[in-house]
Amino acid sequence: MPERDRPFQDPDGTRPVPTLSQATENNNAREDLVLLEDTVREAGHIARSFYGGDYKQWNKEGGSPVTEADLAVDKFLCETLTAARPGYGWLSEETADDPARLSRSTVFIIDPIDGTVAFLKNRPHFTICAGIVVDGRPCCGVVYNPISDELYSARTGAGAHRNGQPIHVGAREALQDCAMLGDRTQLTAAPFPPMHVQNRNSVAYRVVLVADGSADASVSLTAKRDWDLAAADIILHEAGGRLTDARGDVMIYNRPVTKQASLVAANPRLSNEIITLLRQ
């Protein structure tokens, strides 16, 4: 597999000098990211306190599982983040949707436990996801695996990091024999060439594993939700990758319907190859 830790580099080694308004905006984003990182790490303690133990579980409408841990983490994140930023909207998988979020330009998008099936099976492949979206696109994001203690984070223009170290997508140029994350039933048949396919129950975890070069790509042809993708989207983008749907369109978040039709996560070269195959 590609090297995990290739530091992000600007193409020309320089960045433009920010204006006063840009400097203020950058400082706000920096503070917001620190807030997300600190809060999500604390939420990880809650998740670990349930993991492998006895707790209540049931199925939501539609059949997807939920546990006491999901709700406990969601409650902590909601109380902590909205108290710190009362002007921001809120969208979470485990909170009743409040249409008031649509009137806010800045919104928290949260998945308290992405990969509940893995959590239930005591598999260390679930994550806690927290993103901040401004006018439909993420500006800050954190994806945290509390079992492996991997914290992925990014904000616009500052690169992507895992536990404070810069990360970058791999440089693979050919889809054949690549390391692919996703559903084997979707990815081991036409139009795809032979690939090394593995799965991780957390969609966000798949995306950030592409961001750090542990995998070359991740594809899903089934619908996902805003909370599955928003935090991981900015991390992959800042790591030099691209997250789109199967048509090649970027994701727009915090719409009335929070469903995203599909996902393709890869470096730009592989992304183009995958989308071309899917269009055929």
Protein backbone atom coordinates (compact mmCIF):
# COMPACT_ATOMS: atom_id res chain seq x y z
CA MET A 1 0.00 0.00 0.00
CA PRO A 2 1.11 3.61 -0.43
CA GLU A 3 3.26 5.27 2.15
CA ARG A 4 1.17 6.55 5.08
CA ASP A 5 2.88 9.80 5.92
CA ARG A 6 3.83 12.00 3.02
CA PRO A 7 3.63 15.63 4.22
CA PHE A 8 1.41 18.08 2.38
CA GLN A 9 3.28 20.56 0.21
CA ASP A 10 2.03 23.64 -1.61
CA PRO A 11 2.76 23.33 -5.34
CA ASP A 12 5.08 26.34 -5.28
CA GLY A 13 6.04 26.27 -1.62
CA THR A 14 4.30 29.57 -0.86
CA ARG A 15 0.98 30.84 0.41
CA PRO A 16 -0.52 34.28 -0.29
CA VAL A 17 -0.37 36.84 2.49
CA PRO A 18 -3.87 36.96 3.99
CA THR A 19 -5.91 40.15 4.21
CA LEU A 20 -7.21 41.31 7.60
CA SER A 21 -10.62 39.71 6.98
CA GLN A 22 -8.97 36.50 5.82
CA ALA A 23 -6.73 36.47 8.88
CA THR A 24 -9.78 36.83 11.15
CA GLU A 25 -11.59 34.08 9.27
CA ASN A 26 -8.55 31.80 9.48
CA ASN A 27 -8.25 32.42 13.20
CA ASN A 28 -11.93 31.56 13.71
CA ALA A 29 -11.48 28.36 11.73
CA ARG A 30 -8.38 27.48 13.75
CA GLU A 31 -10.32 27.96 16.99
CA ASP A 32 -13.25 25.96 15.66
CA LEU A 33 -10.96 23.07 14.73
CA VAL A 34 -9.38 23.04 18.19
CA LEU A 35 -12.88 22.97 19.67
CA LEU A 36 -13.80 19.97 17.51
CA GLU A 37 -10.58 18.10 18.28
CA ASP A 38 -10.85 18.59 22.04
CA THR A 39 -14.56 17.77 22.19
CA VAL A 40 -14.33 14.68 20.01
CA ARG A 41 -11.43 13.30 22.04
CA GLU A 42 -13.53 13.69 25.18
CA ALA A 43 -16.42 11.96 23.42
CA GLY A 44 -14.03 9.10 22.71
CA HIS A 45 -13.82 8.39 26.45
CA ILE A 46 -17.60 7.92 26.50
CA ALA A 47 -17.53 5.56 23.53
CA ARG A 48 -14.73 3.49 25.08
CA SER A 49 -16.66 3.19 28.35
CA PHE A 50 -19.42 1.31 26.47
CA TYR A 51 -17.24 -0.61 23.99
CA GLY A 52 -17.17 -4.34 24.69
CA GLY A 53 -19.55 -3.99 27.62
CA ASP A 54 -23.26 -4.38 28.30
CA TYR A 55 -25.54 -1.70 26.91
CA LYS A 56 -28.96 -1.35 25.35
CA GLN A 57 -29.37 -1.61 21.60
CA TRP A 58 -32.33 -1.47 19.23
CA ASN A 59 -33.20 -0.77 15.61
CA LYS A 60 -34.34 2.61 14.37
CA GLU A 61 -37.08 3.11 11.81
CA GLY A 62 -35.62 1.72 8.62
CA GLY A 63 -33.75 -1.05 10.43
CA SER A 64 -30.35 0.50 11.20
CA PRO A 65 -29.00 -0.23 14.69
CA VAL A 66 -28.49 2.29 17.47
CA THR A 67 -27.14 1.92 21.01
CA GLU A 68 -26.95 3.73 24.30
CA ALA A 69 -23.43 4.71 23.32
CA ASP A 70 -24.61 6.54 20.17
CA LEU A 71 -27.04 8.61 22.22
CA ALA A 72 -24.60 9.31 25.04
CA VAL A 73 -21.92 10.54 22.65
CA ASP A 74 -24.48 12.58 20.71
CA LYS A 75 -25.76 14.24 23.88
CA PHE A 76 -22.26 15.19 25.00
CA LEU A 77 -21.29 16.58 21.60
CA CYS A 78 -24.51 18.56 21.25
CA GLU A 79 -24.33 20.10 24.71
CA THR A 80 -20.63 20.95 24.46
CA LEU A 81 -20.48 22.25 20.90
CA THR A 82 -23.71 24.25 20.85
CA ALA A 83 -22.82 25.87 24.17
CA ALA A 84 -19.48 26.94 22.71
CA ARG A 85 -20.99 28.14 19.40
CA PRO A 86 -24.66 29.02 20.04
CA GLY A 87 -24.99 30.71 16.65
CA TYR A 88 -24.22 27.54 14.69
CA GLY A 89 -26.89 25.16 13.42
CA TRP A 90 -26.98 21.47 14.30
CA LEU A 91 -27.44 18.33 12.20
CA SER A 92 -26.75 14.89 13.69
CA GLU A 93 -27.75 11.35 12.86
CA GLU A 94 -29.06 10.80 16.39
CA THR A 95 -30.82 14.14 16.96
CA ALA A 96 -34.30 14.92 15.64
CA ASP A 97 -33.81 17.15 12.62
CA ASP A 98 -34.56 20.82 13.29
CA PRO A 99 -35.36 22.73 10.07
CA ALA A 100 -33.92 25.85 11.73
CA ARG A 101 -30.49 24.59 10.57
CA LEU A 102 -31.45 25.59 7.03
CA SER A 103 -31.49 29.25 8.06
CA ARG A 104 -27.93 29.06 9.45
CA SER A 105 -24.94 29.60 7.20
CA THR A 106 -22.69 27.68 9.62
CA VAL A 107 -23.75 24.26 10.86
CA PHE A 108 -22.26 21.41 12.90
CA ILE A 109 -22.72 18.06 11.12
CA ILE A 110 -22.23 15.13 13.47
CA ASP A 111 -22.19 11.34 13.49
CA PRO A 112 -21.68 10.30 17.12
CA ILE A 113 -20.73 6.74 16.11
CA ASP A 114 -20.17 6.08 12.41
CA GLY A 115 -19.99 2.32 12.10
CA THR A 116 -22.39 1.18 14.81
CA VAL A 117 -22.33 -2.37 13.39
CA ALA A 118 -18.56 -2.53 13.99
CA PHE A 119 -19.08 -1.11 17.49
CA LEU A 120 -21.67 -3.82 18.23
CA LYS A 121 -19.30 -6.54 17.01
CA ASN A 122 -16.36 -5.18 19.05
CA ARG A 123 -14.45 -4.35 15.90
CA PRO A 124 -12.17 -1.28 16.14
CA HIS A 125 -13.41 0.26 12.90
CA PHE A 126 -15.92 2.85 14.09
CA THR A 127 -15.37 6.60 14.34
CA ILE A 128 -16.76 9.77 15.88
CA CYS A 129 -17.27 12.43 13.20
CA ALA A 130 -17.68 16.19 13.65
CA GLY A 131 -17.63 18.72 10.85
CA ILE A 132 -18.45 22.39 10.43
CA VAL A 133 -20.11 23.37 7.18
CA VAL A 134 -20.37 26.93 5.86
CA ASP A 135 -22.79 27.61 3.01
CA GLY A 136 -22.97 23.95 2.12
CA ARG A 137 -19.27 23.03 2.16
CA PRO A 138 -17.10 21.83 5.07
CA CYS A 139 -14.43 24.15 6.46
CA CYS A 140 -13.34 22.04 9.45
CA GLY A 141 -13.56 18.34 10.18
CA VAL A 142 -12.47 15.72 12.69
CA VAL A 143 -12.78 11.93 12.35
CA TYR A 144 -11.65 10.03 15.45
CA ASN A 145 -11.20 6.30 15.99
CA PRO A 146 -11.22 6.06 19.79
CA ILE A 147 -9.99 2.46 19.87
CA SER A 148 -6.88 2.97 17.72
CA ASP A 149 -6.56 6.57 19.01
CA GLU A 150 -6.27 7.95 15.48
CA LEU A 151 -7.52 11.52 15.21
CA TYR A 152 -7.77 12.87 11.67
CA SER A 153 -8.39 16.60 11.28
CA ALA A 154 -8.30 19.41 8.75
CA ARG A 155 -9.41 22.96 8.10
CA THR A 156 -9.50 24.84 4.85
CA GLY A 157 -6.07 25.80 3.58
CA ALA A 158 -4.10 24.23 6.44
CA GLY A 159 -3.55 20.68 5.19
CA ALA A 160 -4.74 17.45 6.78
CA HIS A 161 -3.27 15.67 9.79
CA ARG A 162 -3.42 12.43 11.73
CA ASN A 163 -2.51 12.88 15.39
CA GLY A 164 -0.82 16.15 14.47
CA GLN A 165 1.31 14.76 11.63
CA PRO A 166 0.69 15.86 8.02
CA ILE A 167 -0.91 13.31 5.70
CA HIS A 168 -1.38 13.12 1.93
CA VAL A 169 -3.17 10.81 -0.47
CA GLY A 170 -1.17 8.17 -2.31
CA ALA A 171 0.17 8.74 -5.80
CA ARG A 172 -1.16 5.57 -7.43
CA GLU A 173 -2.18 6.11 -11.07
CA ALA A 174 -3.80 2.78 -12.03
CA LEU A 175 -7.02 1.37 -10.62
CA GLN A 176 -6.12 -2.26 -11.36
CA ASP A 177 -4.63 -4.01 -8.30
CA CYS A 178 -5.16 -0.91 -6.15
CA ALA A 179 -6.13 -1.04 -2.46
CA MET A 180 -9.87 -0.31 -2.48
CA LEU A 181 -12.21 0.13 0.50
CA GLY A 182 -15.88 -0.66 0.06
CA ASP A 183 -18.51 -3.33 -0.46
CA ARG A 184 -17.02 -6.38 -2.18
CA THR A 185 -20.32 -7.20 -3.90
CA GLN A 186 -20.22 -3.81 -5.64
CA LEU A 187 -16.51 -3.69 -6.41
CA THR A 188 -15.57 -7.19 -7.58
CA ALA A 189 -17.69 -7.15 -10.75
CA ALA A 190 -17.83 -5.14 -13.98
CA PRO A 191 -16.94 -2.43 -14.74
CA PHE A 192 -14.15 -2.65 -12.17
CA PRO A 193 -10.79 -4.34 -12.86
CA PRO A 194 -9.28 -6.73 -10.31
CA MET A 195 -8.54 -4.86 -7.08
CA HIS A 196 -7.64 -5.66 -3.47
CA VAL A 197 -10.99 -4.90 -1.82
CA GLN A 198 -11.50 -4.59 1.93
CA ASN A 199 -14.28 -3.01 3.94
CA ARG A 200 -14.60 -0.83 7.01
CA ASN A 201 -18.04 -0.31 8.48
CA SER A 202 -17.41 3.40 9.09
CA VAL A 203 -17.77 5.31 5.83
CA ALA A 204 -15.81 8.23 7.23
CA TYR A 205 -12.99 5.91 8.28
CA ARG A 206 -12.72 4.59 4.72
CA VAL A 207 -12.37 8.12 3.41
CA VAL A 208 -9.67 9.20 5.86
CA LEU A 209 -7.72 5.99 5.20
CA VAL A 210 -7.59 7.17 1.60
CA ALA A 211 -6.50 10.60 2.85
CA ASP A 212 -3.46 9.18 4.66
CA GLY A 213 -2.47 6.82 1.85
CA SER A 214 -3.40 3.60 3.69
CA ALA A 215 -5.83 2.85 0.85
CA ASP A 216 -5.91 4.12 -2.71
CA ALA A 217 -9.65 4.68 -3.07
CA SER A 218 -13.09 4.09 -1.61
CA VAL A 219 -16.29 3.73 -3.63
CA SER A 220 -19.90 3.21 -2.60
CA LEU A 221 -22.81 3.07 -5.02
CA THR A 222 -25.44 3.21 -2.28
CA ALA A 223 -26.76 6.40 -0.69
CA LYS A 224 -24.96 7.98 2.25
CA ARG A 225 -25.92 10.81 4.58
CA ASP A 226 -24.36 14.19 5.26
CA TRP A 227 -23.10 13.03 8.66
CA ASP A 228 -21.24 10.11 7.05
CA LEU A 229 -19.20 12.39 4.81
CA ALA A 230 -18.94 16.07 5.81
CA ALA A 231 -16.07 15.77 8.31
CA ALA A 232 -14.11 13.31 6.15
CA ASP A 233 -14.67 15.41 3.01
CA ILE A 234 -12.51 18.34 4.16
CA ILE A 235 -9.82 15.95 5.45
CA LEU A 236 -9.54 14.20 2.09
CA HIS A 237 -9.61 17.50 0.21
CA GLU A 238 -6.83 18.99 2.33
CA ALA A 239 -4.81 15.79 1.88
CA GLY A 240 -4.85 16.34 -1.89
CA GLY A 241 -7.74 14.00 -2.67
CA ARG A 242 -11.21 14.34 -4.06
CA LEU A 243 -14.61 13.28 -2.71
CA THR A 244 -17.49 13.29 -5.19
CA ASP A 245 -20.54 11.28 -6.11
CA ALA A 246 -20.40 8.73 -8.92
CA ARG A 247 -21.11 11.46 -11.48
CA GLY A 248 -18.15 13.52 -10.35
CA ASP A 249 -20.16 16.20 -8.54
CA VAL A 250 -18.91 17.58 -5.22
CA MET A 251 -21.10 17.10 -2.18
CA ILE A 252 -23.29 19.97 -0.98
CA TYR A 253 -24.33 19.64 2.66
CA ASN A 254 -27.07 20.99 4.90
CA ARG A 255 -29.84 20.79 2.34
CA PRO A 256 -33.44 19.88 3.26
CA VAL A 257 -32.73 16.29 2.17
CA THR A 258 -29.50 15.07 3.77
CA LYS A 259 -28.93 12.14 1.41
CA GLN A 260 -25.91 11.84 -0.91
CA ALA A 261 -26.43 9.41 -3.80
CA SER A 262 -23.01 7.71 -3.84
CA LEU A 263 -19.34 8.38 -3.17
CA VAL A 264 -15.97 8.20 -4.86
CA ALA A 265 -12.90 9.02 -2.75
CA ALA A 266 -9.44 8.94 -4.32
CA ASN A 267 -6.57 11.03 -5.59
CA PRO A 268 -7.57 13.08 -8.68
CA ARG A 269 -6.09 10.62 -11.19
CA LEU A 270 -7.88 7.56 -9.78
CA SER A 271 -11.04 9.57 -9.20
CA ASN A 272 -11.20 10.41 -12.91
CA GLU A 273 -10.66 6.76 -13.86
CA ILE A 274 -13.36 5.51 -11.48
CA ILE A 275 -15.92 8.10 -12.61
CA THR A 276 -15.21 7.30 -16.27
CA LEU A 277 -15.85 3.61 -15.59
CA LEU A 278 -19.07 4.32 -13.74
CA ARG A 279 -20.36 6.58 -16.50
CA GLN A 280 -19.88 3.73 -18.97
